[in-house]
């Protein structure tokens, strides 16, 4: 089994990345949190945190959280840039340095706000797995789900983190770097391998309804008649 798992891992990139963004009142990105991780165990390798000063000036619902929740050592690593264009240059350079091809975020919110990554990097949505009972074994049996097994409610990153860690005191910080770290933690706690995360469509069980069995009176009589005829044919041959 170990050999098989090792072979599977060699078919994907060693490093992956989780990215989270926060936006201002004009729906522009003002902060980006990036965490590089080992795809075999989802442990953090490196991280970056960029703040775009021009977009931060506009203000935003979570603009006050750009530094406040951060541990001191993280604050010292914060990089302030003037423009989004500068941030994109640094971001792509950082991803290429670690030879990343696949990036992850919780929902497609971040994907929509980083179109510059669409051409060179493949996006994967963590929430697809976190909210589905096939992949998330922590979802309660009495939880209301769709036919496909998706939670109908309570599947935001904050809800899922609480579910996986059993920490009811956890609150999402809405700080791009800390949220990216927490989303990577969600991936780790789901206990899925990287192949599963990269192939959601292939791994998802089909939920089509089973064929209905025809139990009408006419159908039963027809089957009985065919059975009698078959027995009689066997007797004649004898």
Protein backbone atom coordinates (compact mmCIF):
# COMPACT_ATOMS: atom_id res chain seq x y z
CA UNK A 1 0.00 0.00 0.00
CA UNK A 2 2.83 2.40 0.82
CA UNK A 3 4.42 1.78 -2.56
CA UNK A 4 1.15 2.47 -4.34
CA UNK A 5 0.60 5.72 -2.47
CA UNK A 6 4.15 6.83 -3.24
CA UNK A 7 3.62 6.14 -6.93
CA UNK A 8 0.45 8.22 -6.96
CA UNK A 9 2.18 11.16 -5.33
CA UNK A 10 4.90 11.20 -7.97
CA UNK A 11 2.24 11.97 -10.57
CA UNK A 12 1.50 15.38 -9.04
CA UNK A 13 3.57 18.36 -8.01
CA UNK A 14 5.38 18.14 -4.70
CA UNK A 15 4.22 21.60 -3.65
CA UNK A 16 0.77 23.17 -3.63
CA UNK A 17 -0.43 26.57 -2.46
CA UNK A 18 -3.44 27.94 -0.58
CA UNK A 19 -4.35 31.56 -1.31
CA UNK A 20 -6.82 33.87 0.40
CA UNK A 21 -7.67 37.46 -0.49
CA UNK A 22 -9.55 40.28 1.21
CA UNK A 23 -11.30 43.02 -0.76
CA UNK A 24 -12.22 46.67 -0.24
CA UNK A 25 -15.56 48.45 -0.66
CA UNK A 26 -14.98 48.58 -4.42
CA UNK A 27 -14.42 44.81 -4.61
CA UNK A 28 -10.68 45.26 -5.21
CA UNK A 29 -8.07 43.06 -3.56
CA UNK A 30 -6.14 44.86 -0.81
CA UNK A 31 -4.44 41.88 0.88
CA UNK A 32 -3.23 38.45 -0.21
CA UNK A 33 -2.19 35.58 2.04
CA UNK A 34 -0.21 32.74 0.45
CA UNK A 35 0.89 29.46 2.05
CA UNK A 36 3.10 26.95 0.22
CA UNK A 37 2.60 23.37 1.45
CA UNK A 38 3.92 19.87 0.90
CA UNK A 39 1.29 17.94 -1.06
CA UNK A 40 2.09 14.68 0.74
CA UNK A 41 1.19 15.90 4.24
CA UNK A 42 -0.28 19.42 3.82
CA UNK A 43 2.33 20.95 6.12
CA UNK A 44 3.38 24.56 5.56
CA UNK A 45 6.74 25.17 3.89
CA UNK A 46 6.71 28.92 3.31
CA UNK A 47 4.32 31.85 3.33
CA UNK A 48 3.92 35.39 2.04
CA UNK A 49 1.59 38.23 2.97
CA UNK A 50 1.14 41.22 0.69
CA UNK A 51 -0.87 44.36 1.32
CA UNK A 52 -1.70 46.69 -1.57
CA UNK A 53 -1.62 50.23 -0.20
CA UNK A 54 -3.52 51.88 -3.07
CA UNK A 55 -6.49 49.54 -2.62
CA UNK A 56 -6.34 49.62 1.17
CA UNK A 57 -6.94 53.40 1.12
CA UNK A 58 -10.48 52.78 -0.13
CA UNK A 59 -11.31 50.94 3.08
CA UNK A 60 -13.14 47.67 3.55
CA UNK A 61 -15.18 45.63 5.99
CA UNK A 62 -12.09 43.76 7.18
CA UNK A 63 -9.43 46.39 6.49
CA UNK A 64 -8.85 46.76 10.23
CA UNK A 65 -7.74 43.11 10.36
CA UNK A 66 -4.69 43.42 8.11
CA UNK A 67 -2.32 43.38 11.09
CA UNK A 68 -4.28 43.20 14.36
CA UNK A 69 -4.81 39.40 14.59
CA UNK A 70 -1.31 38.51 13.37
CA UNK A 71 1.36 37.11 15.70
CA UNK A 72 4.34 39.46 16.01
CA UNK A 73 6.62 37.32 13.83
CA UNK A 74 4.03 37.37 11.03
CA UNK A 75 3.70 41.15 11.20
CA UNK A 76 7.42 41.50 10.62
CA UNK A 77 7.07 39.45 7.42
CA UNK A 78 4.24 41.61 6.03
CA UNK A 79 5.13 43.23 2.70
CA UNK A 80 3.49 46.50 1.69
CA UNK A 81 3.27 47.25 -2.04
CA UNK A 82 1.85 50.22 -3.90
CA UNK A 83 -0.13 48.51 -6.65
CA UNK A 84 -1.89 45.27 -7.55
CA UNK A 85 0.42 44.87 -10.54
CA UNK A 86 3.44 44.68 -8.24
CA UNK A 87 1.70 42.08 -6.09
CA UNK A 88 0.91 39.86 -9.08
CA UNK A 89 4.54 39.93 -10.22
CA UNK A 90 5.75 38.86 -6.77
CA UNK A 91 3.00 36.26 -6.41
CA UNK A 92 3.70 34.51 -9.70
CA UNK A 93 7.45 34.62 -9.06
CA UNK A 94 6.87 33.04 -5.63
CA UNK A 95 4.71 30.23 -7.06
CA UNK A 96 7.18 29.47 -9.83
CA UNK A 97 10.06 29.37 -7.37
CA UNK A 98 8.31 26.49 -5.60
CA UNK A 99 7.24 24.94 -8.92
CA UNK A 100 3.59 25.13 -7.96
CA UNK A 101 0.99 24.19 -10.55
CA UNK A 102 -2.13 23.73 -8.41
CA UNK A 103 -3.55 26.35 -6.08
CA UNK A 104 -6.39 26.06 -3.60
CA UNK A 105 -8.88 28.37 -1.97
CA UNK A 106 -12.09 27.96 0.00
CA UNK A 107 -14.84 28.64 -2.59
CA UNK A 108 -14.15 30.42 -5.87
CA UNK A 109 -14.20 33.92 -4.41
CA UNK A 110 -10.41 34.14 -4.48
CA UNK A 111 -10.26 32.50 -7.92
CA UNK A 112 -12.50 35.20 -9.38
CA UNK A 113 -10.31 37.93 -7.90
CA UNK A 114 -7.04 36.53 -9.27
CA UNK A 115 -7.64 36.10 -13.03
CA UNK A 116 -3.91 36.55 -13.66
CA UNK A 117 -3.36 33.02 -12.31
CA UNK A 118 -5.94 31.29 -14.50
CA UNK A 119 -3.66 30.63 -17.46
CA UNK A 120 -0.62 29.15 -15.71
CA UNK A 121 -2.07 27.58 -12.54
CA UNK A 122 -4.97 25.21 -11.99
CA UNK A 123 -7.45 26.19 -9.29
CA UNK A 124 -9.07 23.72 -6.87
CA UNK A 125 -11.96 24.51 -4.53
CA UNK A 126 -11.54 23.14 -0.99
CA UNK A 127 -15.21 23.66 -0.14
CA UNK A 128 -16.27 20.97 -2.65
CA UNK A 129 -14.76 18.38 -0.31
CA UNK A 130 -15.38 20.09 3.01
CA UNK A 131 -19.16 20.29 2.52
CA UNK A 132 -19.70 16.80 1.07
CA UNK A 133 -20.36 13.80 3.31
CA UNK A 134 -18.50 11.46 0.95
CA UNK A 135 -15.25 13.34 1.62
CA UNK A 136 -15.91 14.89 5.03
CA UNK A 137 -16.54 12.08 7.52
CA UNK A 138 -17.09 14.61 10.32
CA UNK A 139 -20.44 15.75 8.92
CA UNK A 140 -23.14 14.65 11.42
CA UNK A 141 -25.51 11.89 10.28
CA UNK A 142 -28.52 14.12 10.95
CA UNK A 143 -27.15 17.05 8.92
CA UNK A 144 -29.41 18.21 6.10
CA UNK A 145 -27.75 17.46 2.77
CA UNK A 146 -28.63 17.49 -0.92
CA UNK A 147 -28.98 14.35 -3.07
CA UNK A 148 -25.28 14.71 -3.90
CA UNK A 149 -24.36 14.71 -0.21
CA UNK A 150 -23.58 18.44 0.04
CA UNK A 151 -24.46 20.30 3.22
CA UNK A 152 -27.36 22.68 2.60
CA UNK A 153 -26.12 25.08 5.26
CA UNK A 154 -23.29 25.52 7.73
CA UNK A 155 -20.43 24.87 5.33
CA UNK A 156 -18.56 28.17 5.45
CA UNK A 157 -14.86 27.90 6.30
CA UNK A 158 -15.57 28.92 9.89
CA UNK A 159 -18.27 26.23 10.28
CA UNK A 160 -16.11 23.49 8.78
CA UNK A 161 -13.05 24.44 10.85
CA UNK A 162 -15.14 24.18 14.00
CA UNK A 163 -16.52 20.84 12.86
CA UNK A 164 -13.10 19.35 12.16
CA UNK A 165 -11.31 20.71 15.23
CA UNK A 166 -14.24 20.55 17.70
CA UNK A 167 -13.27 24.10 18.64
CA UNK A 168 -16.53 26.04 19.05
CA UNK A 169 -14.59 29.15 20.07
CA UNK A 170 -12.92 29.47 16.68
CA UNK A 171 -13.79 32.50 14.57
CA UNK A 172 -12.54 33.30 11.09
CA UNK A 173 -10.21 36.29 11.34
CA UNK A 174 -10.75 37.62 7.81
CA UNK A 175 -7.03 38.23 7.71
CA UNK A 176 -5.79 36.88 4.37
CA UNK A 177 -2.69 35.13 5.72
CA UNK A 178 -4.33 33.58 8.78
CA UNK A 179 -7.32 32.44 6.73
CA UNK A 180 -5.03 30.78 4.19
CA UNK A 181 -3.27 28.96 7.04
CA UNK A 182 -6.63 27.79 8.43
CA UNK A 183 -7.83 26.62 5.01
CA UNK A 184 -4.68 24.53 4.64
CA UNK A 185 -5.45 23.08 8.07
CA UNK A 186 -8.92 22.12 6.81
CA UNK A 187 -7.31 20.22 3.94
CA UNK A 188 -5.05 18.38 6.37
CA UNK A 189 -7.88 17.48 8.77
CA UNK A 190 -10.12 16.11 6.01
CA UNK A 191 -7.50 13.35 5.75
CA UNK A 192 -7.75 13.04 1.96
CA UNK A 193 -4.78 12.50 -0.34
CA UNK A 194 -3.75 15.06 -2.92
CA UNK A 195 -5.02 12.90 -5.79
CA UNK A 196 -8.53 13.18 -4.38
CA UNK A 197 -8.30 16.96 -4.06
CA UNK A 198 -7.10 17.25 -7.66
CA UNK A 199 -9.78 14.98 -9.16
CA UNK A 200 -13.07 15.89 -7.53
CA UNK A 201 -15.22 14.94 -10.54
CA UNK A 202 -13.65 11.50 -10.92
CA UNK A 203 -13.88 10.67 -7.23
CA UNK A 204 -17.41 11.82 -6.55
CA UNK A 205 -19.84 8.94 -6.35
CA UNK A 206 -22.68 8.89 -8.83
CA UNK A 207 -26.00 9.62 -7.17
CA UNK A 208 -28.34 8.58 -9.95
CA UNK A 209 -31.49 6.80 -8.80
CA UNK A 210 -31.55 3.01 -9.14
CA UNK A 211 -33.75 1.56 -11.87
CA UNK A 212 -37.30 0.91 -10.74
CA UNK A 213 -38.28 -2.75 -10.69
CA UNK A 214 -41.41 -3.49 -12.71
CA UNK A 215 -43.73 -5.27 -10.29
CA UNK A 216 -47.01 -4.83 -12.15
CA UNK A 217 -49.47 -7.77 -12.26
CA UNK A 218 -49.04 -8.18 -16.02
CA UNK A 219 -45.27 -8.25 -15.66
CA UNK A 220 -45.40 -10.94 -12.94
CA UNK A 221 -47.80 -13.11 -14.98
CA UNK A 222 -45.60 -12.80 -18.07
CA UNK A 223 -42.49 -13.86 -16.14
CA UNK A 224 -44.34 -16.83 -14.61
CA UNK A 225 -45.56 -17.98 -18.04
CA UNK A 226 -42.05 -17.80 -19.50
CA UNK A 227 -40.74 -19.86 -16.60
CA UNK A 228 -43.41 -22.59 -17.14
CA UNK A 229 -42.68 -22.70 -20.87
CA UNK A 230 -38.98 -23.10 -20.17
CA UNK A 231 -39.63 -26.05 -17.80
CA UNK A 232 -41.93 -27.75 -20.32
CA UNK A 233 -39.32 -27.38 -23.06
CA UNK A 234 -36.73 -29.07 -20.85
CA UNK A 235 -39.10 -32.01 -20.14
CA UNK A 236 -39.81 -32.53 -23.87
CA UNK A 237 -36.10 -32.68 -24.60
CA UNK A 238 -35.76 -35.39 -21.96
